[in-house]
Amino acid sequence: MGRLMRNCIQSLLKTVNIGIGMVGIAMIVYSLWMLRVWLRQLDSSQGPIPWFIGTLLGLGIVVCVITCSGNCAAESVNGCCLCIYISFLFLLIVLEVSIAADVFLNHSWEEDFPKDKTGNFDQLKEFIEKNFDVCKWIGITVAALQVLSIVLAMILKAQGPHPVRYYDSDEEYLPDRIPLLRNYIPPQ
């Protein structure tokens, strides 16, 4: 029964990680698309990549790396891997909550961020304002997946590693009765 429960929790954790990984891949694809548009509109020699595009690309990569480590931890059921995965996911959630709290509680939150010369940040802000209900549910779903992933990883860690069966019996092996060499004469 314990083995079945562990396998179900492992599968659930992998499935939840796939959902979180899809969000990370979407962040990477969106930032690469914005980078392509920025490079087409402006001369590439004008300076570094805008902060918004670089930040979104970096967060997408971090989410994908955390998801990959979560899949490895779920497969191996190693306590250390699960602890590291839980810690990184917790830090990601703290970062998300702190940014969300700054946006919702601070009315002049745009002053906290550097100016975006490309206008992509303003486009994203307008898109989110137009589709606030959909974006709200997507954000809630992603947060729920992350919390569920932490809970499943904690349950999997509490169950411990796979039980190893040390079965060592001499009764399974036949004793050496037949010599390997023909006409063998034992030393006297």
N, C-alpha and C. Protein backbone atom coordinates (compact mmCIF):
# COMPACT_ATOMS: atom_id res chain seq x y z
N MET A 1 0.82 -1.20 0.00
CA MET A 1 0.00 0.00 0.00
C MET A 1 0.86 1.25 0.00
N GLY A 2 1.94 1.22 0.77
CA GLY A 2 2.84 2.38 0.83
C GLY A 2 3.53 2.64 -0.50
N ARG A 3 3.87 1.55 -1.19
CA ARG A 3 4.53 1.69 -2.49
C ARG A 3 3.59 2.32 -3.51
N LEU A 4 2.32 1.93 -3.47
CA LEU A 4 1.32 2.50 -4.39
C LEU A 4 1.12 3.98 -4.11
N MET A 5 1.05 4.34 -2.82
CA MET A 5 0.88 5.74 -2.46
C MET A 5 2.08 6.57 -2.89
N ARG A 6 3.27 6.05 -2.68
CA ARG A 6 4.49 6.76 -3.09
C ARG A 6 4.51 6.96 -4.61
N ASN A 7 4.14 5.93 -5.36
CA ASN A 7 4.12 6.06 -6.81
C ASN A 7 3.09 7.08 -7.28
N CYS A 8 1.92 7.10 -6.63
CA CYS A 8 0.90 8.09 -6.98
C CYS A 8 1.37 9.51 -6.69
N ILE A 9 2.01 9.71 -5.54
CA ILE A 9 2.50 11.04 -5.19
C ILE A 9 3.63 11.45 -6.13
N GLN A 10 4.49 10.50 -6.49
CA GLN A 10 5.55 10.81 -7.45
C GLN A 10 4.95 11.24 -8.79
N SER A 11 3.95 10.52 -9.25
CA SER A 11 3.31 10.86 -10.53
C SER A 11 2.61 12.21 -10.45
N LEU A 12 1.93 12.47 -9.34
CA LEU A 12 1.27 13.77 -9.17
C LEU A 12 2.29 14.91 -9.15
N LEU A 13 3.40 14.72 -8.45
CA LEU A 13 4.43 15.75 -8.39
C LEU A 13 5.02 16.01 -9.77
N LYS A 14 5.25 14.96 -10.53
CA LYS A 14 5.76 15.13 -11.89
C LYS A 14 4.76 15.87 -12.76
N THR A 15 3.47 15.55 -12.62
CA THR A 15 2.44 16.21 -13.41
C THR A 15 2.33 17.69 -13.06
N VAL A 16 2.36 17.99 -11.77
CA VAL A 16 2.32 19.39 -11.34
C VAL A 16 3.56 20.13 -11.84
N ASN A 17 4.71 19.47 -11.81
CA ASN A 17 5.93 20.08 -12.31
C ASN A 17 5.86 20.35 -13.81
N ILE A 18 5.18 19.49 -14.54
CA ILE A 18 5.00 19.73 -15.97
C ILE A 18 4.19 21.00 -16.19
N GLY A 19 3.15 21.21 -15.37
CA GLY A 19 2.37 22.44 -15.48
C GLY A 19 3.19 23.67 -15.18
N ILE A 20 4.01 23.60 -14.13
CA ILE A 20 4.87 24.74 -13.79
C ILE A 20 5.93 24.94 -14.87
N GLY A 21 6.44 23.85 -15.40
CA GLY A 21 7.43 23.95 -16.48
C GLY A 21 6.86 24.59 -17.73
N MET A 22 5.58 24.32 -18.02
CA MET A 22 4.93 24.97 -19.17
C MET A 22 4.88 26.48 -18.97
N VAL A 23 4.64 26.92 -17.75
CA VAL A 23 4.63 28.36 -17.47
C VAL A 23 6.02 28.94 -17.71
N GLY A 24 7.05 28.24 -17.26
CA GLY A 24 8.42 28.70 -17.49
C GLY A 24 8.77 28.77 -18.97
N ILE A 25 8.35 27.76 -19.72
CA ILE A 25 8.59 27.77 -21.17
C ILE A 25 7.84 28.91 -21.83
N ALA A 26 6.61 29.17 -21.39
CA ALA A 26 5.84 30.28 -21.95
C ALA A 26 6.53 31.61 -21.66
N MET A 27 7.11 31.76 -20.47
CA MET A 27 7.84 32.98 -20.15
C MET A 27 9.06 33.15 -21.05
N ILE A 28 9.77 32.06 -21.30
CA ILE A 28 10.95 32.12 -22.17
C ILE A 28 10.55 32.47 -23.60
N VAL A 29 9.51 31.82 -24.11
CA VAL A 29 9.07 32.08 -25.49
C VAL A 29 8.60 33.52 -25.64
N TYR A 30 7.84 34.02 -24.66
CA TYR A 30 7.36 35.40 -24.73
C TYR A 30 8.52 36.39 -24.69
N SER A 31 9.49 36.14 -23.83
CA SER A 31 10.63 37.07 -23.75
C SER A 31 11.48 37.01 -25.02
N LEU A 32 11.63 35.83 -25.61
CA LEU A 32 12.38 35.73 -26.87
C LEU A 32 11.63 36.43 -28.00
N TRP A 33 10.31 36.34 -27.99
CA TRP A 33 9.51 37.05 -29.00
C TRP A 33 9.68 38.56 -28.83
N MET A 34 9.62 39.03 -27.58
CA MET A 34 9.81 40.47 -27.34
C MET A 34 11.22 40.90 -27.73
N LEU A 35 12.21 40.06 -27.50
CA LEU A 35 13.58 40.37 -27.88
C LEU A 35 13.70 40.48 -29.40
N ARG A 36 13.05 39.57 -30.10
CA ARG A 36 13.07 39.61 -31.57
C ARG A 36 12.44 40.89 -32.09
N VAL A 37 11.30 41.26 -31.52
CA VAL A 37 10.64 42.51 -31.92
C VAL A 37 11.52 43.71 -31.61
N TRP A 38 12.15 43.70 -30.45
CA TRP A 38 13.03 44.81 -30.06
C TRP A 38 14.22 44.92 -31.00
N LEU A 39 14.81 43.79 -31.38
CA LEU A 39 15.96 43.82 -32.28
C LEU A 39 15.56 44.27 -33.68
N ARG A 40 14.35 43.98 -34.11
CA ARG A 40 13.89 44.43 -35.42
C ARG A 40 13.59 45.92 -35.42
N GLN A 41 13.03 46.43 -34.34
CA GLN A 41 12.64 47.84 -34.29
C GLN A 41 13.84 48.75 -34.11
N LEU A 42 14.78 48.33 -33.30
CA LEU A 42 15.91 49.19 -32.97
C LEU A 42 17.20 48.59 -33.51
N ASP A 43 18.18 49.42 -33.65
CA ASP A 43 19.49 48.95 -34.03
C ASP A 43 20.09 48.23 -32.83
N SER A 44 20.65 47.04 -33.06
CA SER A 44 21.15 46.22 -31.95
C SER A 44 22.36 46.84 -31.27
N SER A 45 22.97 47.85 -31.89
CA SER A 45 24.15 48.46 -31.27
C SER A 45 23.78 49.57 -30.29
N GLN A 46 22.50 49.73 -29.98
CA GLN A 46 22.08 50.82 -29.11
C GLN A 46 22.26 50.53 -27.63
N GLY A 47 22.65 49.37 -27.27
CA GLY A 47 22.88 49.12 -25.86
C GLY A 47 22.43 47.73 -25.44
N PRO A 48 22.39 47.52 -24.14
CA PRO A 48 22.03 46.20 -23.64
C PRO A 48 20.53 45.91 -23.81
N ILE A 49 20.20 44.66 -23.57
CA ILE A 49 18.80 44.22 -23.64
C ILE A 49 18.01 44.94 -22.54
N PRO A 50 16.79 45.38 -22.83
CA PRO A 50 15.98 46.05 -21.80
C PRO A 50 15.77 45.15 -20.59
N TRP A 51 15.64 45.76 -19.43
CA TRP A 51 15.56 45.02 -18.17
C TRP A 51 14.36 44.10 -18.14
N PHE A 52 13.24 44.53 -18.70
CA PHE A 52 12.02 43.73 -18.62
C PHE A 52 12.18 42.42 -19.39
N ILE A 53 12.76 42.50 -20.58
CA ILE A 53 12.94 41.30 -21.40
C ILE A 53 13.95 40.36 -20.73
N GLY A 54 15.05 40.91 -20.24
CA GLY A 54 16.06 40.08 -19.57
C GLY A 54 15.55 39.45 -18.29
N THR A 55 14.76 40.20 -17.53
CA THR A 55 14.20 39.67 -16.29
C THR A 55 13.22 38.54 -16.56
N LEU A 56 12.37 38.74 -17.55
CA LEU A 56 11.39 37.69 -17.89
C LEU A 56 12.09 36.44 -18.41
N LEU A 57 13.11 36.62 -19.23
CA LEU A 57 13.87 35.48 -19.73
C LEU A 57 14.58 34.76 -18.59
N GLY A 58 15.20 35.51 -17.69
CA GLY A 58 15.88 34.90 -16.54
C GLY A 58 14.92 34.15 -15.63
N LEU A 59 13.76 34.74 -15.36
CA LEU A 59 12.77 34.06 -14.50
C LEU A 59 12.25 32.79 -15.17
N GLY A 60 12.05 32.84 -16.48
CA GLY A 60 11.60 31.65 -17.19
C GLY A 60 12.62 30.53 -17.11
N ILE A 61 13.89 30.88 -17.25
CA ILE A 61 14.95 29.87 -17.15
C ILE A 61 15.03 29.32 -15.73
N VAL A 62 14.91 30.19 -14.74
CA VAL A 62 14.94 29.74 -13.33
C VAL A 62 13.78 28.80 -13.05
N VAL A 63 12.59 29.14 -13.53
CA VAL A 63 11.42 28.27 -13.31
C VAL A 63 11.64 26.92 -13.98
N CYS A 64 12.20 26.90 -15.18
CA CYS A 64 12.46 25.63 -15.86
C CYS A 64 13.51 24.79 -15.13
N VAL A 65 14.54 25.44 -14.60
CA VAL A 65 15.57 24.71 -13.85
C VAL A 65 14.99 24.14 -12.56
N ILE A 66 14.17 24.93 -11.87
CA ILE A 66 13.53 24.45 -10.65
C ILE A 66 12.61 23.27 -10.97
N THR A 67 11.88 23.36 -12.07
CA THR A 67 10.99 22.27 -12.47
C THR A 67 11.78 21.01 -12.81
N CYS A 68 12.89 21.18 -13.50
CA CYS A 68 13.73 20.03 -13.83
C CYS A 68 14.28 19.38 -12.57
N SER A 69 14.72 20.19 -11.62
CA SER A 69 15.22 19.62 -10.37
C SER A 69 14.09 18.95 -9.59
N GLY A 70 12.88 19.48 -9.70
CA GLY A 70 11.74 18.84 -9.06
C GLY A 70 11.42 17.49 -9.65
N ASN A 71 11.53 17.38 -10.98
CA ASN A 71 11.30 16.08 -11.61
C ASN A 71 12.37 15.08 -11.21
N CYS A 72 13.62 15.53 -11.13
CA CYS A 72 14.70 14.64 -10.69
C CYS A 72 14.49 14.21 -9.24
N ALA A 73 14.07 15.15 -8.40
CA ALA A 73 13.82 14.83 -6.99
C ALA A 73 12.65 13.88 -6.85
N ALA A 74 11.61 14.08 -7.66
CA ALA A 74 10.45 13.19 -7.58
C ALA A 74 10.80 11.79 -8.05
N GLU A 75 11.67 11.68 -9.03
CA GLU A 75 12.04 10.37 -9.54
C GLU A 75 12.94 9.62 -8.56
N SER A 76 13.89 10.34 -7.95
CA SER A 76 14.85 9.67 -7.08
C SER A 76 14.35 9.52 -5.64
N VAL A 77 13.39 10.31 -5.22
CA VAL A 77 12.87 10.34 -3.85
C VAL A 77 14.04 10.48 -2.87
N ASN A 78 14.98 11.31 -3.22
CA ASN A 78 16.12 11.58 -2.36
C ASN A 78 15.76 12.75 -1.45
N GLY A 79 15.97 12.59 -0.16
CA GLY A 79 15.60 13.62 0.80
C GLY A 79 16.32 14.94 0.57
N CYS A 80 17.59 14.88 0.22
CA CYS A 80 18.36 16.10 -0.02
C CYS A 80 17.84 16.83 -1.26
N CYS A 81 17.59 16.09 -2.33
CA CYS A 81 17.06 16.71 -3.56
C CYS A 81 15.69 17.33 -3.31
N LEU A 82 14.85 16.64 -2.57
CA LEU A 82 13.52 17.17 -2.28
C LEU A 82 13.62 18.43 -1.41
N CYS A 83 14.56 18.44 -0.46
CA CYS A 83 14.74 19.63 0.39
C CYS A 83 15.20 20.82 -0.43
N ILE A 84 16.14 20.61 -1.31
CA ILE A 84 16.63 21.70 -2.16
C ILE A 84 15.52 22.20 -3.07
N TYR A 85 14.75 21.28 -3.63
CA TYR A 85 13.63 21.65 -4.50
C TYR A 85 12.59 22.47 -3.74
N ILE A 86 12.26 22.03 -2.54
CA ILE A 86 11.29 22.77 -1.71
C ILE A 86 11.82 24.16 -1.39
N SER A 87 13.11 24.25 -1.06
CA SER A 87 13.70 25.55 -0.72
C SER A 87 13.66 26.51 -1.90
N PHE A 88 14.06 26.04 -3.08
CA PHE A 88 14.06 26.91 -4.25
C PHE A 88 12.65 27.34 -4.64
N LEU A 89 11.71 26.42 -4.55
CA LEU A 89 10.33 26.76 -4.89
C LEU A 89 9.76 27.73 -3.87
N PHE A 90 10.12 27.56 -2.60
CA PHE A 90 9.67 28.49 -1.57
C PHE A 90 10.24 29.89 -1.82
N LEU A 91 11.52 29.97 -2.19
CA LEU A 91 12.11 31.28 -2.49
C LEU A 91 11.44 31.93 -3.70
N LEU A 92 11.09 31.13 -4.69
CA LEU A 92 10.38 31.67 -5.86
C LEU A 92 9.01 32.20 -5.47
N ILE A 93 8.31 31.49 -4.60
CA ILE A 93 6.99 31.95 -4.15
C ILE A 93 7.13 33.23 -3.33
N VAL A 94 8.15 33.31 -2.48
CA VAL A 94 8.37 34.53 -1.69
C VAL A 94 8.64 35.71 -2.62
N LEU A 95 9.42 35.50 -3.67
CA LEU A 95 9.69 36.56 -4.64
C LEU A 95 8.40 37.00 -5.33
N GLU A 96 7.59 36.04 -5.75
CA GLU A 96 6.32 36.37 -6.42
C GLU A 96 5.38 37.12 -5.49
N VAL A 97 5.30 36.68 -4.25
CA VAL A 97 4.40 37.33 -3.29
C VAL A 97 4.89 38.75 -2.98
N SER A 98 6.20 38.93 -2.86
CA SER A 98 6.70 40.27 -2.56
C SER A 98 6.46 41.23 -3.72
N ILE A 99 6.61 40.78 -4.95
CA ILE A 99 6.32 41.64 -6.10
C ILE A 99 4.83 41.93 -6.19
N ALA A 100 4.00 40.91 -5.97
CA ALA A 100 2.54 41.13 -6.01
C ALA A 100 2.10 42.08 -4.90
N ALA A 101 2.69 41.94 -3.71
CA ALA A 101 2.33 42.85 -2.62
C ALA A 101 2.75 44.28 -2.93
N ASP A 102 3.91 44.43 -3.56
CA ASP A 102 4.35 45.78 -3.94
C ASP A 102 3.42 46.39 -4.98
N VAL A 103 2.97 45.60 -5.93
CA VAL A 103 2.08 46.11 -6.98
C VAL A 103 0.71 46.46 -6.41
N PHE A 104 0.17 45.61 -5.55
CA PHE A 104 -1.18 45.84 -5.05
C PHE A 104 -1.25 46.86 -3.91
N LEU A 105 -0.22 46.93 -3.08
CA LEU A 105 -0.27 47.81 -1.92
C LEU A 105 0.35 49.18 -2.17
N ASN A 106 1.30 49.25 -3.08
CA ASN A 106 1.97 50.51 -3.37
C ASN A 106 1.34 51.11 -4.63
N HIS A 107 0.71 52.26 -4.48
CA HIS A 107 0.02 52.86 -5.63
C HIS A 107 1.00 53.45 -6.64
N SER A 108 2.19 53.76 -6.24
CA SER A 108 3.20 54.27 -7.17
C SER A 108 4.26 53.19 -7.43
N TRP A 109 3.80 51.98 -7.71
CA TRP A 109 4.70 50.85 -7.87
C TRP A 109 5.54 50.96 -9.13
N GLU A 110 5.09 51.69 -10.14
CA GLU A 110 5.85 51.80 -11.38
C GLU A 110 7.16 52.55 -11.18
N GLU A 111 7.22 53.38 -10.15
CA GLU A 111 8.45 54.12 -9.87
C GLU A 111 9.54 53.21 -9.30
N ASP A 112 9.14 52.05 -8.75
CA ASP A 112 10.12 51.12 -8.20
C ASP A 112 10.93 50.42 -9.29
N PHE A 113 10.35 50.33 -10.48
CA PHE A 113 11.01 49.64 -11.58
C PHE A 113 11.69 50.65 -12.50
N PRO A 114 12.79 50.25 -13.15
CA PRO A 114 13.43 51.17 -14.09
C PRO A 114 12.53 51.42 -15.31
N LYS A 115 12.79 52.52 -16.00
CA LYS A 115 12.01 52.85 -17.18
C LYS A 115 12.33 51.86 -18.30
N ASP A 116 11.29 51.44 -19.02
CA ASP A 116 11.44 50.52 -20.14
C ASP A 116 11.38 51.34 -21.43
N LYS A 117 12.48 51.38 -22.16
CA LYS A 117 12.55 52.19 -23.38
C LYS A 117 11.80 51.56 -24.55
N THR A 118 11.58 50.25 -24.48
CA THR A 118 10.96 49.57 -25.62
C THR A 118 9.45 49.72 -25.64
N GLY A 119 8.83 49.95 -24.51
CA GLY A 119 7.38 50.03 -24.45
C GLY A 119 6.71 48.68 -24.25
N ASN A 120 7.50 47.61 -24.19
CA ASN A 120 6.92 46.27 -24.00
C ASN A 120 6.28 46.14 -22.62
N PHE A 121 6.87 46.77 -21.63
CA PHE A 121 6.31 46.71 -20.29
C PHE A 121 4.94 47.38 -20.26
N ASP A 122 4.83 48.51 -20.95
CA ASP A 122 3.53 49.20 -21.01
C ASP A 122 2.50 48.37 -21.77
N GLN A 123 2.94 47.71 -22.85
CA GLN A 123 2.02 46.84 -23.59
C GLN A 123 1.53 45.70 -22.72
N LEU A 124 2.43 45.08 -21.97
CA LEU A 124 2.03 43.98 -21.09
C LEU A 124 1.09 44.48 -20.01
N LYS A 125 1.37 45.66 -19.46
CA LYS A 125 0.51 46.23 -18.42
C LYS A 125 -0.89 46.50 -18.97
N GLU A 126 -0.98 47.04 -20.18
CA GLU A 126 -2.29 47.29 -20.80
C GLU A 126 -3.02 45.99 -21.08
N PHE A 127 -2.29 44.98 -21.54
CA PHE A 127 -2.91 43.68 -21.80
C PHE A 127 -3.47 43.07 -20.52
N ILE A 128 -2.70 43.17 -19.44
CA ILE A 128 -3.17 42.62 -18.16
C ILE A 128 -4.38 43.39 -17.65
N GLU A 129 -4.39 44.72 -17.82
CA GLU A 129 -5.54 45.52 -17.39
C GLU A 129 -6.79 45.19 -18.20
N LYS A 130 -6.63 44.93 -19.49
CA LYS A 130 -7.79 44.58 -20.33
C LYS A 130 -8.33 43.20 -19.98
N ASN A 131 -7.44 42.27 -19.72
CA ASN A 131 -7.82 40.88 -19.46
C ASN A 131 -7.52 40.51 -18.01
N PHE A 132 -7.93 41.35 -17.08
CA PHE A 132 -7.55 41.16 -15.68
C PHE A 132 -8.12 39.87 -15.11
N ASP A 133 -9.36 39.51 -15.45
CA ASP A 133 -9.95 38.29 -14.88
C ASP A 133 -9.19 37.05 -15.32
N VAL A 134 -8.86 36.96 -16.60
CA VAL A 134 -8.12 35.80 -17.09
C VAL A 134 -6.73 35.75 -16.46
N CYS A 135 -6.06 36.89 -16.43
CA CYS A 135 -4.71 36.93 -15.84
C CYS A 135 -4.74 36.60 -14.35
N LYS A 136 -5.80 37.04 -13.67
CA LYS A 136 -5.93 36.74 -12.24
C LYS A 136 -6.06 35.23 -12.03
N TRP A 137 -6.88 34.57 -12.84
CA TRP A 137 -7.05 33.13 -12.68
C TRP A 137 -5.81 32.35 -13.08
N ILE A 138 -5.10 32.84 -14.08
CA ILE A 138 -3.83 32.19 -14.44
C ILE A 138 -2.83 32.32 -13.30
N GLY A 139 -2.75 33.51 -12.70
CA GLY A 139 -1.84 33.71 -11.56
C GLY A 139 -2.21 32.85 -10.37
N ILE A 140 -3.51 32.76 -10.09
CA ILE A 140 -3.96 31.92 -8.97
C ILE A 140 -3.66 30.45 -9.24
N THR A 141 -3.85 30.02 -10.49
CA THR A 141 -3.58 28.63 -10.85
C THR A 141 -2.09 28.31 -10.71
N VAL A 142 -1.24 29.20 -11.17
CA VAL A 142 0.21 28.98 -11.06
C VAL A 142 0.63 28.94 -9.59
N ALA A 143 0.10 29.86 -8.79
CA ALA A 143 0.43 29.86 -7.36
C ALA A 143 -0.07 28.58 -6.68
N ALA A 144 -1.27 28.13 -7.05
CA ALA A 144 -1.80 26.89 -6.47
C ALA A 144 -0.95 25.70 -6.88
N LEU A 145 -0.49 25.67 -8.14
CA LEU A 145 0.37 24.57 -8.58
C LEU A 145 1.69 24.57 -7.81
N GLN A 146 2.23 25.74 -7.55
CA GLN A 146 3.49 25.82 -6.81
C GLN A 146 3.31 25.36 -5.36
N VAL A 147 2.24 25.78 -4.73
CA VAL A 147 1.98 25.36 -3.35
C VAL A 147 1.70 23.86 -3.30
N LEU A 148 0.92 23.36 -4.26
CA LEU A 148 0.64 21.92 -4.32
C LEU A 148 1.92 21.14 -4.53
N SER A 149 2.82 21.67 -5.33
CA SER A 149 4.09 21.01 -5.56
C SER A 149 4.92 20.93 -4.28
N ILE A 150 4.91 22.00 -3.50
CA ILE A 150 5.63 21.98 -2.22
C ILE A 150 5.02 20.96 -1.28
N VAL A 151 3.69 20.92 -1.21
CA VAL A 151 3.01 19.97 -0.31
C VAL A 151 3.31 18.54 -0.73
N LEU A 152 3.23 18.25 -2.03
CA LEU A 152 3.52 16.89 -2.50
C LEU A 152 4.97 16.50 -2.25
N ALA A 153 5.89 17.44 -2.44
CA ALA A 153 7.30 17.15 -2.17
C ALA A 153 7.53 16.90 -0.68
N MET A 154 6.83 17.63 0.18
CA MET A 154 6.97 17.40 1.62
C MET A 154 6.41 16.04 2.02
N ILE A 155 5.29 15.65 1.43
CA ILE A 155 4.71 14.33 1.71
C ILE A 155 5.67 13.24 1.25
N LEU A 156 6.23 13.42 0.05
CA LEU A 156 7.16 12.43 -0.50
C LEU A 156 8.42 12.34 0.36
N LYS A 157 8.88 13.48 0.86
CA LYS A 157 10.06 13.47 1.74
C LYS A 157 9.75 12.80 3.08
N ALA A 158 8.53 13.02 3.59
CA ALA A 158 8.15 12.41 4.86
C ALA A 158 8.04 10.89 4.74
N GLN A 159 7.69 10.41 3.57
CA GLN A 159 7.59 8.96 3.38
C GLN A 159 8.96 8.30 3.35
N GLY A 160 9.97 9.05 3.01
CA GLY A 160 11.31 8.51 2.99
C GLY A 160 11.63 7.83 1.68
N PRO A 161 12.85 7.33 1.56
CA PRO A 161 13.26 6.69 0.31
C PRO A 161 12.59 5.34 0.14
N HIS A 162 12.76 4.80 -1.05
CA HIS A 162 12.21 3.47 -1.32
C HIS A 162 12.83 2.47 -0.36
N PRO A 163 12.01 1.58 0.20
CA PRO A 163 12.59 0.57 1.09
C PRO A 163 13.45 -0.40 0.29
N VAL A 164 14.65 -0.60 0.78
CA VAL A 164 15.57 -1.52 0.12
C VAL A 164 15.47 -2.85 0.83
N ARG A 165 15.28 -3.86 0.07
CA ARG A 165 15.15 -5.20 0.66
C ARG A 165 16.50 -5.90 0.58
N TYR A 166 17.10 -6.05 1.73
CA TYR A 166 18.36 -6.77 1.79
C TYR A 166 18.03 -8.23 2.08
N TYR A 167 18.07 -9.02 1.04
CA TYR A 167 17.74 -10.42 1.17
C TYR A 167 18.99 -11.20 0.83
N ASP A 168 19.60 -11.72 1.83
CA ASP A 168 20.83 -12.46 1.62
C ASP A 168 20.65 -13.84 2.23
N SER A 169 20.51 -14.81 1.39
CA SER A 169 20.30 -16.17 1.87
C SER A 169 21.24 -17.10 1.13
N ASP A 170 21.86 -17.97 1.88
CA ASP A 170 22.75 -18.96 1.28
C ASP A 170 21.98 -20.15 0.74
N GLU A 171 20.69 -20.23 1.05
CA GLU A 171 19.91 -21.37 0.62
C GLU A 171 19.57 -21.30 -0.87
N GLU A 172 19.68 -20.12 -1.48
CA GLU A 172 19.36 -20.00 -2.90
C GLU A 172 20.46 -20.57 -3.78
N TYR A 173 21.68 -20.56 -3.30
CA TYR A 173 22.80 -20.98 -4.12
C TYR A 173 23.17 -22.42 -3.80
N LEU A 174 23.48 -23.15 -4.84
CA LEU A 174 23.92 -24.52 -4.64
C LEU A 174 25.36 -24.52 -4.13
N PRO A 175 25.64 -25.41 -3.21
CA PRO A 175 27.02 -25.47 -2.73
C PRO A 175 27.94 -26.00 -3.83
N ASP A 176 29.20 -25.68 -3.70
CA ASP A 176 30.18 -26.14 -4.69
C ASP A 176 30.46 -27.61 -4.45
N ARG A 177 29.77 -28.45 -5.17
CA ARG A 177 29.97 -29.89 -5.03
C ARG A 177 30.69 -30.45 -6.23
N ILE A 178 30.50 -29.82 -7.36
CA ILE A 178 31.10 -30.34 -8.58
C ILE A 178 32.33 -29.50 -8.89
N PRO A 179 33.45 -30.12 -9.06
CA PRO A 179 34.64 -29.36 -9.39
C PRO A 179 34.53 -28.80 -10.82
N LEU A 180 35.15 -27.66 -11.03
CA LEU A 180 35.11 -27.04 -12.34
C LEU A 180 36.03 -27.73 -13.34
N LEU A 181 37.10 -28.32 -12.85
CA LEU A 181 38.04 -29.00 -13.74
C LEU A 181 37.79 -30.50 -13.70
N ARG A 182 37.97 -31.11 -14.84
CA ARG A 182 37.84 -32.56 -14.89
C ARG A 182 39.05 -33.21 -14.25
N ASN A 183 38.80 -34.29 -13.67
CA ASN A 183 39.86 -35.08 -13.03
C ASN A 183 40.66 -34.23 -12.04
N TYR A 184 39.96 -33.46 -11.31
CA TYR A 184 40.60 -32.59 -10.32
C TYR A 184 40.98 -33.41 -9.10
N ILE A 185 42.19 -33.24 -8.67
CA ILE A 185 42.65 -33.92 -7.47
C ILE A 185 42.94 -32.84 -6.44
N PRO A 186 42.18 -32.87 -5.34
CA PRO A 186 42.41 -31.83 -4.33
C PRO A 186 43.78 -32.00 -3.67
N PRO A 187 44.39 -30.89 -3.28
CA PRO A 187 45.70 -30.99 -2.62
C PRO A 187 45.56 -31.61 -1.24
N GLN A 188 46.59 -32.34 -0.85
CA GLN A 188 46.52 -33.03 0.44
C GLN A 188 47.50 -32.48 1.43
